[in-house]
Amino acid sequence: MLDIIVDYLGTLGVGGLLVAVYIEALGLPFPGGIMVILAGVLAGQGKIGLGPVIGATVLGFSLGASTAFYLGKNVGEPLMERYGSYLHITPDSFCQAQRWLEQSSAAFILIGRFIPMVSNLTPYIAGMSHLTWHKFLFYNSIFVLLWSGFHISLGLFFGHNWQHLVAETQSKLLFIAPGLLILYMIIKYLQLNRKKKIMK
């Protein structure tokens, strides 16, 4: 699998990377994140330019997320009902994602992308909500920079052991994301309690 991805990047270069990240941002099952890490490895080895890798990753993810947001805003629930199965979306995960967005759009966009079964929904649900374009683009841009920087840096600095790194990264994210969400909810809970005390 990894050898196929390396051959793919070697053949198509940053254009192929942009397409891969675009598909990843749409929420479709595709190893876009792994490709970005491997592109970082190739950049560290001087086989591909670092600037083009960063540009293709940021642009690809931004365009993919914006496309998903547009589809959610203009097509909405009929899209989810008809094609949700292709994104591995269940009715329960759909309702849960909607509840999280209502609590905080910032947390939903910034953290939701790291949570399995919610990451595919994030831009679509954001589009279906009352979230404005500029607000979505602001939060999504922050996420894109963090996501891109994280994955490219992994490839650059740990390229000598990249096969082990890819496996470790995928497994650790399953624990890191829920932890971040729990931490955020605790902070919000404490803030609400503080406001109640002040109002009394």
N, C-alpha and C. Protein backbone atom coordinates (compact mmCIF):
# COMPACT_ATOMS: atom_id res chain seq x y z
N MET A 1 0.84 -1.21 0.00
CA MET A 1 0.00 0.00 0.00
C MET A 1 0.87 1.26 0.00
N LEU A 2 1.84 1.31 0.94
CA LEU A 2 2.70 2.48 1.05
C LEU A 2 3.58 2.63 -0.18
N ASP A 3 4.04 1.50 -0.73
CA ASP A 3 4.87 1.55 -1.94
C ASP A 3 4.07 2.10 -3.12
N ILE A 4 2.79 1.75 -3.16
CA ILE A 4 1.91 2.27 -4.23
C ILE A 4 1.77 3.78 -4.12
N ILE A 5 1.63 4.27 -2.88
CA ILE A 5 1.49 5.71 -2.65
C ILE A 5 2.76 6.46 -3.05
N VAL A 6 3.92 5.87 -2.70
CA VAL A 6 5.21 6.49 -3.06
C VAL A 6 5.33 6.56 -4.58
N ASP A 7 4.96 5.47 -5.28
CA ASP A 7 5.01 5.47 -6.74
C ASP A 7 4.06 6.51 -7.32
N TYR A 8 2.88 6.63 -6.69
CA TYR A 8 1.87 7.61 -7.13
C TYR A 8 2.44 9.03 -7.04
N LEU A 9 3.06 9.35 -5.90
CA LEU A 9 3.63 10.67 -5.71
C LEU A 9 4.82 10.91 -6.64
N GLY A 10 5.62 9.86 -6.83
CA GLY A 10 6.78 9.99 -7.70
C GLY A 10 6.38 10.23 -9.15
N THR A 11 5.25 9.67 -9.54
CA THR A 11 4.79 9.80 -10.93
C THR A 11 4.03 11.11 -11.16
N LEU A 12 3.10 11.42 -10.27
CA LEU A 12 2.23 12.58 -10.48
C LEU A 12 2.70 13.85 -9.77
N GLY A 13 3.60 13.71 -8.81
CA GLY A 13 4.15 14.88 -8.13
C GLY A 13 3.13 15.66 -7.32
N VAL A 14 3.33 17.00 -7.24
CA VAL A 14 2.46 17.82 -6.40
C VAL A 14 1.04 17.90 -6.94
N GLY A 15 0.87 17.72 -8.25
CA GLY A 15 -0.48 17.71 -8.82
C GLY A 15 -1.29 16.54 -8.28
N GLY A 16 -0.64 15.39 -8.19
CA GLY A 16 -1.29 14.21 -7.63
C GLY A 16 -1.57 14.38 -6.15
N LEU A 17 -0.64 15.06 -5.45
CA LEU A 17 -0.83 15.33 -4.02
C LEU A 17 -2.03 16.23 -3.80
N LEU A 18 -2.16 17.27 -4.62
CA LEU A 18 -3.29 18.19 -4.50
C LEU A 18 -4.61 17.45 -4.67
N VAL A 19 -4.69 16.58 -5.69
CA VAL A 19 -5.92 15.82 -5.92
C VAL A 19 -6.22 14.90 -4.74
N ALA A 20 -5.17 14.24 -4.21
CA ALA A 20 -5.34 13.31 -3.09
C ALA A 20 -5.87 14.03 -1.85
N VAL A 21 -5.30 15.20 -1.56
CA VAL A 21 -5.73 15.97 -0.38
C VAL A 21 -7.13 16.53 -0.59
N TYR A 22 -7.44 16.91 -1.81
CA TYR A 22 -8.81 17.40 -2.13
C TYR A 22 -9.83 16.31 -1.82
N ILE A 23 -9.54 15.07 -2.24
CA ILE A 23 -10.45 13.95 -1.98
C ILE A 23 -10.56 13.70 -0.49
N GLU A 24 -9.43 13.76 0.22
CA GLU A 24 -9.41 13.59 1.67
C GLU A 24 -10.31 14.62 2.35
N ALA A 25 -10.20 15.88 1.90
CA ALA A 25 -10.98 16.96 2.51
C ALA A 25 -12.47 16.82 2.24
N LEU A 26 -12.83 16.14 1.16
CA LEU A 26 -14.24 15.90 0.87
C LEU A 26 -14.86 14.89 1.84
N GLY A 27 -13.99 14.19 2.58
CA GLY A 27 -14.48 13.20 3.53
C GLY A 27 -14.58 11.81 2.96
N LEU A 28 -14.13 11.63 1.72
CA LEU A 28 -14.16 10.30 1.10
C LEU A 28 -13.02 9.45 1.65
N PRO A 29 -13.23 8.14 1.76
CA PRO A 29 -12.18 7.26 2.28
C PRO A 29 -10.98 7.20 1.33
N PHE A 30 -9.93 7.93 1.69
CA PHE A 30 -8.75 8.05 0.84
C PHE A 30 -7.56 8.40 1.73
N PRO A 31 -6.38 7.81 1.50
CA PRO A 31 -5.22 8.03 2.38
C PRO A 31 -4.50 9.35 2.12
N GLY A 32 -5.23 10.45 2.10
CA GLY A 32 -4.62 11.75 1.83
C GLY A 32 -3.60 12.15 2.88
N GLY A 33 -3.92 11.90 4.16
CA GLY A 33 -2.99 12.25 5.24
C GLY A 33 -1.68 11.51 5.12
N ILE A 34 -1.75 10.22 4.79
CA ILE A 34 -0.53 9.43 4.62
C ILE A 34 0.29 9.97 3.45
N MET A 35 -0.39 10.38 2.39
CA MET A 35 0.31 10.92 1.23
C MET A 35 1.05 12.20 1.58
N VAL A 36 0.46 13.03 2.44
CA VAL A 36 1.12 14.27 2.84
C VAL A 36 2.38 13.95 3.64
N ILE A 37 2.29 12.97 4.53
CA ILE A 37 3.47 12.56 5.30
C ILE A 37 4.58 12.07 4.37
N LEU A 38 4.20 11.23 3.42
CA LEU A 38 5.19 10.69 2.48
C LEU A 38 5.74 11.78 1.57
N ALA A 39 4.90 12.77 1.24
CA ALA A 39 5.40 13.90 0.45
C ALA A 39 6.44 14.67 1.27
N GLY A 40 6.21 14.78 2.59
CA GLY A 40 7.20 15.41 3.47
C GLY A 40 8.50 14.62 3.49
N VAL A 41 8.40 13.29 3.47
CA VAL A 41 9.59 12.43 3.41
C VAL A 41 10.37 12.70 2.13
N LEU A 42 9.66 12.73 1.01
CA LEU A 42 10.30 12.98 -0.29
C LEU A 42 10.91 14.38 -0.35
N ALA A 43 10.24 15.34 0.27
CA ALA A 43 10.77 16.71 0.31
C ALA A 43 12.06 16.75 1.13
N GLY A 44 12.06 16.01 2.25
CA GLY A 44 13.26 15.96 3.09
C GLY A 44 14.43 15.30 2.38
N GLN A 45 14.13 14.41 1.44
CA GLN A 45 15.18 13.73 0.68
C GLN A 45 15.57 14.51 -0.57
N GLY A 46 14.92 15.66 -0.78
CA GLY A 46 15.24 16.48 -1.93
C GLY A 46 14.67 15.98 -3.25
N LYS A 47 13.73 15.04 -3.19
CA LYS A 47 13.15 14.48 -4.40
C LYS A 47 11.96 15.29 -4.90
N ILE A 48 11.47 16.19 -4.06
CA ILE A 48 10.34 17.04 -4.42
C ILE A 48 10.48 18.33 -3.62
N GLY A 49 10.04 19.45 -4.19
CA GLY A 49 10.20 20.74 -3.52
C GLY A 49 9.29 20.90 -2.32
N LEU A 50 9.81 21.43 -1.22
CA LEU A 50 9.00 21.62 -0.01
C LEU A 50 7.91 22.67 -0.23
N GLY A 51 8.24 23.77 -0.90
CA GLY A 51 7.26 24.82 -1.16
C GLY A 51 6.05 24.31 -1.91
N PRO A 52 6.25 23.59 -3.03
CA PRO A 52 5.11 23.04 -3.76
C PRO A 52 4.29 22.04 -2.94
N VAL A 53 4.97 21.27 -2.07
CA VAL A 53 4.25 20.31 -1.21
C VAL A 53 3.32 21.06 -0.26
N ILE A 54 3.84 22.11 0.37
CA ILE A 54 3.02 22.93 1.29
C ILE A 54 1.86 23.56 0.54
N GLY A 55 2.16 24.16 -0.62
CA GLY A 55 1.13 24.82 -1.41
C GLY A 55 0.04 23.86 -1.87
N ALA A 56 0.43 22.69 -2.37
CA ALA A 56 -0.55 21.71 -2.85
C ALA A 56 -1.41 21.19 -1.71
N THR A 57 -0.79 20.98 -0.54
CA THR A 57 -1.54 20.46 0.60
C THR A 57 -2.56 21.47 1.11
N VAL A 58 -2.12 22.70 1.30
CA VAL A 58 -3.01 23.75 1.80
C VAL A 58 -4.13 24.04 0.80
N LEU A 59 -3.76 24.18 -0.48
CA LEU A 59 -4.76 24.49 -1.50
C LEU A 59 -5.74 23.34 -1.68
N GLY A 60 -5.22 22.11 -1.74
CA GLY A 60 -6.08 20.95 -1.94
C GLY A 60 -7.10 20.77 -0.83
N PHE A 61 -6.63 20.91 0.42
CA PHE A 61 -7.55 20.72 1.54
C PHE A 61 -8.55 21.87 1.61
N SER A 62 -8.10 23.08 1.35
CA SER A 62 -9.01 24.23 1.39
C SER A 62 -10.10 24.11 0.34
N LEU A 63 -9.72 23.70 -0.87
CA LEU A 63 -10.70 23.55 -1.95
C LEU A 63 -11.67 22.40 -1.65
N GLY A 64 -11.15 21.30 -1.13
CA GLY A 64 -12.00 20.16 -0.82
C GLY A 64 -13.01 20.48 0.27
N ALA A 65 -12.54 21.12 1.34
CA ALA A 65 -13.43 21.48 2.44
C ALA A 65 -14.46 22.51 1.99
N SER A 66 -14.05 23.46 1.15
CA SER A 66 -14.98 24.48 0.65
C SER A 66 -16.04 23.85 -0.25
N THR A 67 -15.64 22.87 -1.05
CA THR A 67 -16.60 22.16 -1.91
C THR A 67 -17.63 21.43 -1.06
N ALA A 68 -17.15 20.75 -0.01
CA ALA A 68 -18.06 20.02 0.89
C ALA A 68 -19.00 20.99 1.60
N PHE A 69 -18.48 22.13 2.03
CA PHE A 69 -19.30 23.15 2.69
C PHE A 69 -20.38 23.66 1.73
N TYR A 70 -19.99 23.91 0.48
CA TYR A 70 -20.93 24.38 -0.54
C TYR A 70 -22.04 23.35 -0.79
N LEU A 71 -21.65 22.08 -0.88
CA LEU A 71 -22.64 21.02 -1.09
C LEU A 71 -23.60 20.93 0.09
N GLY A 72 -23.06 21.03 1.29
CA GLY A 72 -23.90 20.99 2.48
C GLY A 72 -24.86 22.16 2.53
N LYS A 73 -24.39 23.33 2.11
CA LYS A 73 -25.21 24.54 2.17
C LYS A 73 -26.31 24.54 1.12
N ASN A 74 -26.01 24.00 -0.06
CA ASN A 74 -26.96 24.09 -1.18
C ASN A 74 -27.78 22.84 -1.43
N VAL A 75 -27.29 21.70 -0.99
CA VAL A 75 -28.02 20.45 -1.19
C VAL A 75 -28.58 19.94 0.12
N GLY A 76 -27.75 20.03 1.18
CA GLY A 76 -28.21 19.72 2.52
C GLY A 76 -28.52 18.26 2.80
N GLU A 77 -29.59 18.04 3.56
CA GLU A 77 -29.92 16.71 4.04
C GLU A 77 -30.19 15.69 2.93
N PRO A 78 -30.81 16.06 1.81
CA PRO A 78 -31.00 15.06 0.73
C PRO A 78 -29.68 14.44 0.29
N LEU A 79 -28.60 15.25 0.30
CA LEU A 79 -27.27 14.74 -0.06
C LEU A 79 -26.82 13.68 0.94
N MET A 80 -27.03 13.95 2.23
CA MET A 80 -26.62 13.01 3.27
C MET A 80 -27.44 11.72 3.21
N GLU A 81 -28.74 11.87 2.96
CA GLU A 81 -29.61 10.70 2.91
C GLU A 81 -29.28 9.79 1.73
N ARG A 82 -28.89 10.40 0.62
CA ARG A 82 -28.65 9.61 -0.60
C ARG A 82 -27.23 9.06 -0.68
N TYR A 83 -26.25 9.91 -0.27
CA TYR A 83 -24.86 9.51 -0.44
C TYR A 83 -24.09 9.35 0.87
N GLY A 84 -24.78 9.46 1.99
CA GLY A 84 -24.13 9.37 3.29
C GLY A 84 -23.39 8.06 3.50
N SER A 85 -23.90 6.99 2.94
CA SER A 85 -23.25 5.68 3.12
C SER A 85 -21.87 5.65 2.51
N TYR A 86 -21.64 6.43 1.44
CA TYR A 86 -20.32 6.47 0.81
C TYR A 86 -19.30 7.17 1.70
N LEU A 87 -19.79 8.02 2.60
CA LEU A 87 -18.92 8.72 3.54
C LEU A 87 -18.88 8.02 4.89
N HIS A 88 -19.48 6.83 4.95
CA HIS A 88 -19.55 6.06 6.20
C HIS A 88 -20.29 6.85 7.29
N ILE A 89 -21.39 7.49 6.90
CA ILE A 89 -22.17 8.31 7.82
C ILE A 89 -23.41 7.54 8.26
N THR A 90 -23.59 7.44 9.55
CA THR A 90 -24.79 6.80 10.11
C THR A 90 -25.71 7.90 10.65
N PRO A 91 -27.01 7.63 10.80
CA PRO A 91 -27.93 8.63 11.35
C PRO A 91 -27.49 9.12 12.73
N ASP A 92 -26.94 8.21 13.57
CA ASP A 92 -26.50 8.60 14.92
C ASP A 92 -25.32 9.56 14.86
N SER A 93 -24.34 9.26 14.00
CA SER A 93 -23.18 10.14 13.91
C SER A 93 -23.58 11.50 13.33
N PHE A 94 -24.58 11.49 12.43
CA PHE A 94 -25.07 12.73 11.84
C PHE A 94 -25.70 13.63 12.92
N CYS A 95 -26.56 13.05 13.75
CA CYS A 95 -27.22 13.81 14.82
C CYS A 95 -26.21 14.30 15.86
N GLN A 96 -25.24 13.44 16.18
CA GLN A 96 -24.23 13.82 17.15
C GLN A 96 -23.40 15.00 16.64
N ALA A 97 -23.03 14.96 15.36
CA ALA A 97 -22.26 16.04 14.77
C ALA A 97 -23.04 17.36 14.80
N GLN A 98 -24.33 17.29 14.53
CA GLN A 98 -25.17 18.49 14.57
C GLN A 98 -25.21 19.10 15.97
N ARG A 99 -25.28 18.25 16.99
CA ARG A 99 -25.30 18.74 18.38
C ARG A 99 -23.99 19.43 18.73
N TRP A 100 -22.87 18.86 18.30
CA TRP A 100 -21.57 19.46 18.59
C TRP A 100 -21.42 20.82 17.92
N LEU A 101 -21.92 20.91 16.70
CA LEU A 101 -21.82 22.19 15.98
C LEU A 101 -22.64 23.26 16.67
N GLU A 102 -23.80 22.91 17.19
CA GLU A 102 -24.65 23.87 17.89
C GLU A 102 -23.97 24.39 19.15
N GLN A 103 -23.14 23.57 19.79
CA GLN A 103 -22.44 23.99 21.01
C GLN A 103 -21.30 24.94 20.69
N SER A 104 -20.54 24.64 19.64
CA SER A 104 -19.41 25.51 19.28
C SER A 104 -18.94 25.21 17.86
N SER A 105 -19.11 26.16 16.97
CA SER A 105 -18.68 25.97 15.58
C SER A 105 -17.16 25.89 15.48
N ALA A 106 -16.45 26.65 16.32
CA ALA A 106 -14.99 26.64 16.29
C ALA A 106 -14.45 25.27 16.67
N ALA A 107 -14.93 24.73 17.78
CA ALA A 107 -14.46 23.42 18.24
C ALA A 107 -14.85 22.33 17.24
N PHE A 108 -16.04 22.45 16.67
CA PHE A 108 -16.51 21.45 15.73
C PHE A 108 -15.60 21.37 14.51
N ILE A 109 -15.21 22.51 13.97
CA ILE A 109 -14.38 22.54 12.77
C ILE A 109 -12.93 22.21 13.09
N LEU A 110 -12.41 22.75 14.19
CA LEU A 110 -11.00 22.56 14.52
C LEU A 110 -10.70 21.17 15.08
N ILE A 111 -11.62 20.63 15.88
CA ILE A 111 -11.37 19.34 16.53
C ILE A 111 -12.12 18.20 15.84
N GLY A 112 -13.29 18.52 15.29
CA GLY A 112 -14.11 17.47 14.68
C GLY A 112 -13.41 16.69 13.58
N ARG A 113 -12.50 17.34 12.86
CA ARG A 113 -11.78 16.68 11.77
C ARG A 113 -10.89 15.54 12.25
N PHE A 114 -10.55 15.54 13.54
CA PHE A 114 -9.68 14.49 14.07
C PHE A 114 -10.46 13.31 14.64
N ILE A 115 -11.78 13.43 14.71
CA ILE A 115 -12.59 12.41 15.37
C ILE A 115 -13.20 11.47 14.34
N PRO A 116 -12.92 10.17 14.47
CA PRO A 116 -13.49 9.19 13.52
C PRO A 116 -15.01 9.27 13.49
N MET A 117 -15.59 9.08 12.32
CA MET A 117 -17.03 9.10 12.08
C MET A 117 -17.62 10.51 12.13
N VAL A 118 -16.85 11.48 12.56
CA VAL A 118 -17.32 12.87 12.56
C VAL A 118 -16.52 13.68 11.54
N SER A 119 -15.26 13.31 11.33
CA SER A 119 -14.39 14.06 10.43
C SER A 119 -14.98 14.17 9.02
N ASN A 120 -15.59 13.08 8.53
CA ASN A 120 -16.18 13.11 7.19
C ASN A 120 -17.36 14.08 7.10
N LEU A 121 -18.03 14.30 8.24
CA LEU A 121 -19.23 15.13 8.27
C LEU A 121 -18.96 16.62 8.41
N THR A 122 -17.80 16.95 8.98
CA THR A 122 -17.54 18.32 9.44
C THR A 122 -17.92 19.41 8.45
N PRO A 123 -17.35 19.45 7.24
CA PRO A 123 -17.68 20.56 6.34
C PRO A 123 -19.12 20.52 5.84
N TYR A 124 -19.68 19.32 5.70
CA TYR A 124 -21.06 19.21 5.22
C TYR A 124 -22.05 19.75 6.27
N ILE A 125 -21.86 19.34 7.52
CA ILE A 125 -22.73 19.81 8.59
C ILE A 125 -22.58 21.32 8.78
N ALA A 126 -21.34 21.80 8.67
CA ALA A 126 -21.10 23.24 8.79
C ALA A 126 -21.87 24.00 7.71
N GLY A 127 -21.89 23.44 6.50
CA GLY A 127 -22.63 24.08 5.41
C GLY A 127 -24.12 24.03 5.62
N MET A 128 -24.63 22.97 6.23
CA MET A 128 -26.06 22.82 6.47
C MET A 128 -26.55 23.69 7.63
N SER A 129 -25.62 24.15 8.44
CA SER A 129 -25.99 25.00 9.58
C SER A 129 -26.13 26.44 9.11
N HIS A 130 -26.27 27.34 10.07
CA HIS A 130 -26.37 28.77 9.75
C HIS A 130 -25.00 29.44 9.75
N LEU A 131 -23.95 28.64 9.74
CA LEU A 131 -22.59 29.18 9.75
C LEU A 131 -22.32 29.94 8.45
N THR A 132 -21.74 31.13 8.57
CA THR A 132 -21.46 31.94 7.38
C THR A 132 -20.19 31.44 6.68
N TRP A 133 -20.06 31.83 5.41
CA TRP A 133 -18.89 31.43 4.63
C TRP A 133 -17.61 31.92 5.28
N HIS A 134 -17.58 33.21 5.64
CA HIS A 134 -16.32 33.77 6.14
C HIS A 134 -15.92 33.15 7.47
N LYS A 135 -16.90 32.77 8.29
CA LYS A 135 -16.59 32.13 9.56
C LYS A 135 -16.04 30.72 9.33
N PHE A 136 -16.67 30.00 8.41
CA PHE A 136 -16.17 28.67 8.09
C PHE A 136 -14.75 28.74 7.53
N LEU A 137 -14.53 29.65 6.59
CA LEU A 137 -13.21 29.77 5.97
C LEU A 137 -12.15 30.14 7.00
N PHE A 138 -12.51 30.97 7.97
CA PHE A 138 -11.56 31.37 9.02
C PHE A 138 -11.13 30.17 9.85
N TYR A 139 -12.11 29.45 10.40
CA TYR A 139 -11.78 28.28 11.23
C TYR A 139 -11.13 27.17 10.41
N ASN A 140 -11.62 26.97 9.20
CA ASN A 140 -11.06 25.91 8.36
C ASN A 140 -9.62 26.22 7.98
N SER A 141 -9.30 27.49 7.74
CA SER A 141 -7.94 27.89 7.39
C SER A 141 -6.98 27.60 8.54
N ILE A 142 -7.44 27.84 9.76
CA ILE A 142 -6.61 27.52 10.93
C ILE A 142 -6.34 26.03 10.98
N PHE A 143 -7.40 25.25 10.78
CA PHE A 143 -7.24 23.79 10.81
C PHE A 143 -6.31 23.32 9.70
N VAL A 144 -6.49 23.85 8.49
CA VAL A 144 -5.67 23.43 7.35
C VAL A 144 -4.19 23.68 7.62
N LEU A 145 -3.86 24.83 8.19
CA LEU A 145 -2.46 25.15 8.49
C LEU A 145 -1.90 24.20 9.54
N LEU A 146 -2.70 23.90 10.56
CA LEU A 146 -2.26 22.97 11.62
C LEU A 146 -2.10 21.56 11.06
N TRP A 147 -3.10 21.11 10.32
CA TRP A 147 -3.08 19.76 9.76
C TRP A 147 -1.93 19.58 8.78
N SER A 148 -1.78 20.54 7.88
CA SER A 148 -0.71 20.46 6.88
C SER A 148 0.67 20.49 7.54
N GLY A 149 0.84 21.45 8.45
CA GLY A 149 2.13 21.59 9.12
C GLY A 149 2.49 20.34 9.90
N PHE A 150 1.50 19.75 10.57
CA PHE A 150 1.74 18.55 11.37
C PHE A 150 2.19 17.38 10.50
N HIS A 151 1.44 17.09 9.44
CA HIS A 151 1.75 15.95 8.59
C HIS A 151 3.04 16.12 7.80
N ILE A 152 3.26 17.32 7.26
CA ILE A 152 4.49 17.56 6.50
C ILE A 152 5.71 17.48 7.42
N SER A 153 5.58 18.05 8.62
CA SER A 153 6.70 18.03 9.57
C SER A 153 7.06 16.60 9.97
N LEU A 154 6.05 15.76 10.14
CA LEU A 154 6.32 14.36 10.47
C LEU A 154 7.18 13.72 9.39
N GLY A 155 6.83 13.97 8.15
CA GLY A 155 7.60 13.40 7.05
C GLY A 155 9.00 13.97 6.97
N LEU A 156 9.15 15.27 7.21
CA LEU A 156 10.45 15.93 7.11
C LEU A 156 11.42 15.46 8.19
N PHE A 157 10.95 15.43 9.43
CA PHE A 157 11.84 15.18 10.55
C PHE A 157 11.99 13.71 10.93
N PHE A 158 11.06 12.87 10.51
CA PHE A 158 11.14 11.47 10.88
C PHE A 158 11.10 10.56 9.67
N GLY A 159 11.55 11.08 8.54
CA GLY A 159 11.50 10.34 7.29
C GLY A 159 12.29 9.06 7.29
N HIS A 160 13.33 8.97 8.11
CA HIS A 160 14.16 7.76 8.13
C HIS A 160 13.40 6.55 8.67
N ASN A 161 12.30 6.81 9.38
CA ASN A 161 11.52 5.70 9.96
C ASN A 161 10.05 5.90 9.62
N TRP A 162 9.78 6.30 8.37
CA TRP A 162 8.45 6.75 7.99
C TRP A 162 7.38 5.66 8.02
N GLN A 163 7.73 4.41 7.74
CA GLN A 163 6.72 3.35 7.75
C GLN A 163 6.14 3.14 9.15
N HIS A 164 7.02 3.12 10.14
CA HIS A 164 6.57 2.99 11.53
C HIS A 164 5.81 4.23 11.95
N LEU A 165 6.28 5.39 11.48
CA LEU A 165 5.66 6.66 11.85
C LEU A 165 4.22 6.76 11.36
N VAL A 166 3.98 6.36 10.12
CA VAL A 166 2.63 6.42 9.56
C VAL A 166 1.67 5.58 10.38
N ALA A 167 2.09 4.37 10.73
CA ALA A 167 1.23 3.48 11.51
C ALA A 167 0.95 4.07 12.89
N GLU A 168 1.97 4.63 13.52
CA GLU A 168 1.81 5.21 14.85
C GLU A 168 0.91 6.43 14.82
N THR A 169 1.09 7.27 13.80
CA THR A 169 0.29 8.50 13.69
C THR A 169 -1.19 8.19 13.57
N GLN A 170 -1.52 7.23 12.72
CA GLN A 170 -2.93 6.88 12.51
C GLN A 170 -3.57 6.35 13.78
N SER A 171 -2.83 5.55 14.55
CA SER A 171 -3.40 4.99 15.78
C SER A 171 -3.50 6.02 16.89
N LYS A 172 -2.51 6.89 17.01
CA LYS A 172 -2.50 7.88 18.09
C LYS A 172 -3.60 8.92 17.92
N LEU A 173 -3.93 9.29 16.67
CA LEU A 173 -4.96 10.31 16.44
C LEU A 173 -6.31 9.88 16.99
N LEU A 174 -6.56 8.57 17.03
CA LEU A 174 -7.83 8.06 17.55
C LEU A 174 -7.99 8.38 19.03
N PHE A 175 -6.85 8.56 19.73
CA PHE A 175 -6.90 8.86 21.16
C PHE A 175 -6.72 10.36 21.43
N ILE A 176 -5.91 11.03 20.61
CA ILE A 176 -5.63 12.44 20.82
C ILE A 176 -6.87 13.29 20.61
N ALA A 177 -7.61 13.03 19.52
CA ALA A 177 -8.78 13.85 19.20
C ALA A 177 -9.86 13.81 20.28
N PRO A 178 -10.29 12.63 20.74
CA PRO A 178 -11.29 12.61 21.82
C PRO A 178 -10.78 13.30 23.07
N GLY A 179 -9.48 13.18 23.33
CA GLY A 179 -8.90 13.84 24.50
C GLY A 179 -9.01 15.35 24.40
N LEU A 180 -8.73 15.89 23.21
CA LEU A 180 -8.86 17.33 22.99
C LEU A 180 -10.31 17.79 23.14
N LEU A 181 -11.23 16.98 22.64
CA LEU A 181 -12.65 17.32 22.75
C LEU A 181 -13.10 17.33 24.20
N ILE A 182 -12.68 16.33 24.96
CA ILE A 182 -13.05 16.26 26.37
C ILE A 182 -12.48 17.46 27.13
N LEU A 183 -11.22 17.80 26.83
CA LEU A 183 -10.59 18.97 27.47
C LEU A 183 -11.36 20.24 27.16
N TYR A 184 -11.77 20.39 25.90
CA TYR A 184 -12.53 21.58 25.49
C TYR A 184 -13.87 21.64 26.23
N MET A 185 -14.58 20.51 26.35
CA MET A 185 -15.87 20.48 27.01
C MET A 185 -15.73 20.80 28.51
N ILE A 186 -14.64 20.36 29.12
CA ILE A 186 -14.39 20.67 30.53
C ILE A 186 -14.20 22.17 30.71
N ILE A 187 -13.42 22.77 29.82
CA ILE A 187 -13.17 24.22 29.88
C ILE A 187 -14.47 24.99 29.71
N LYS A 188 -15.30 24.57 28.75
CA LYS A 188 -16.59 25.24 28.53
C LYS A 188 -17.50 25.10 29.75
N TYR A 189 -17.48 23.93 30.37
CA TYR A 189 -18.29 23.67 31.56
C TYR A 189 -17.86 24.58 32.70
N LEU A 190 -16.56 24.72 32.89
CA LEU A 190 -16.05 25.59 33.95
C LEU A 190 -16.39 27.05 33.68
N GLN A 191 -16.33 27.45 32.41
CA GLN A 191 -16.67 28.82 32.05
C GLN A 191 -18.14 29.11 32.32
N LEU A 192 -19.01 28.17 32.00
CA LEU A 192 -20.44 28.35 32.24
C LEU A 192 -20.74 28.45 33.73
N ASN A 193 -20.09 27.62 34.53
CA ASN A 193 -20.27 27.68 35.98
C ASN A 193 -19.81 29.01 36.55
N ARG A 194 -18.71 29.51 36.01
CA ARG A 194 -18.18 30.80 36.48
C ARG A 194 -19.16 31.93 36.16
N LYS A 195 -19.76 31.88 34.95
CA LYS A 195 -20.72 32.90 34.57
C LYS A 195 -21.96 32.86 35.45
N LYS A 196 -22.40 31.63 35.78
CA LYS A 196 -23.57 31.49 36.66
C LYS A 196 -23.30 32.09 38.02
N LYS A 197 -22.11 31.86 38.56
CA LYS A 197 -21.73 32.39 39.87
C LYS A 197 -21.68 33.92 39.86
N ILE A 198 -21.15 34.46 38.75
CA ILE A 198 -21.06 35.92 38.61
C ILE A 198 -22.46 36.54 38.56
N MET A 199 -23.36 35.88 37.82
CA MET A 199 -24.74 36.38 37.66
C MET A 199 -25.50 36.33 38.97
N LYS A 200 -25.16 35.37 39.83
CA LYS A 200 -25.84 35.29 41.13
C LYS A 200 -25.34 36.41 42.06
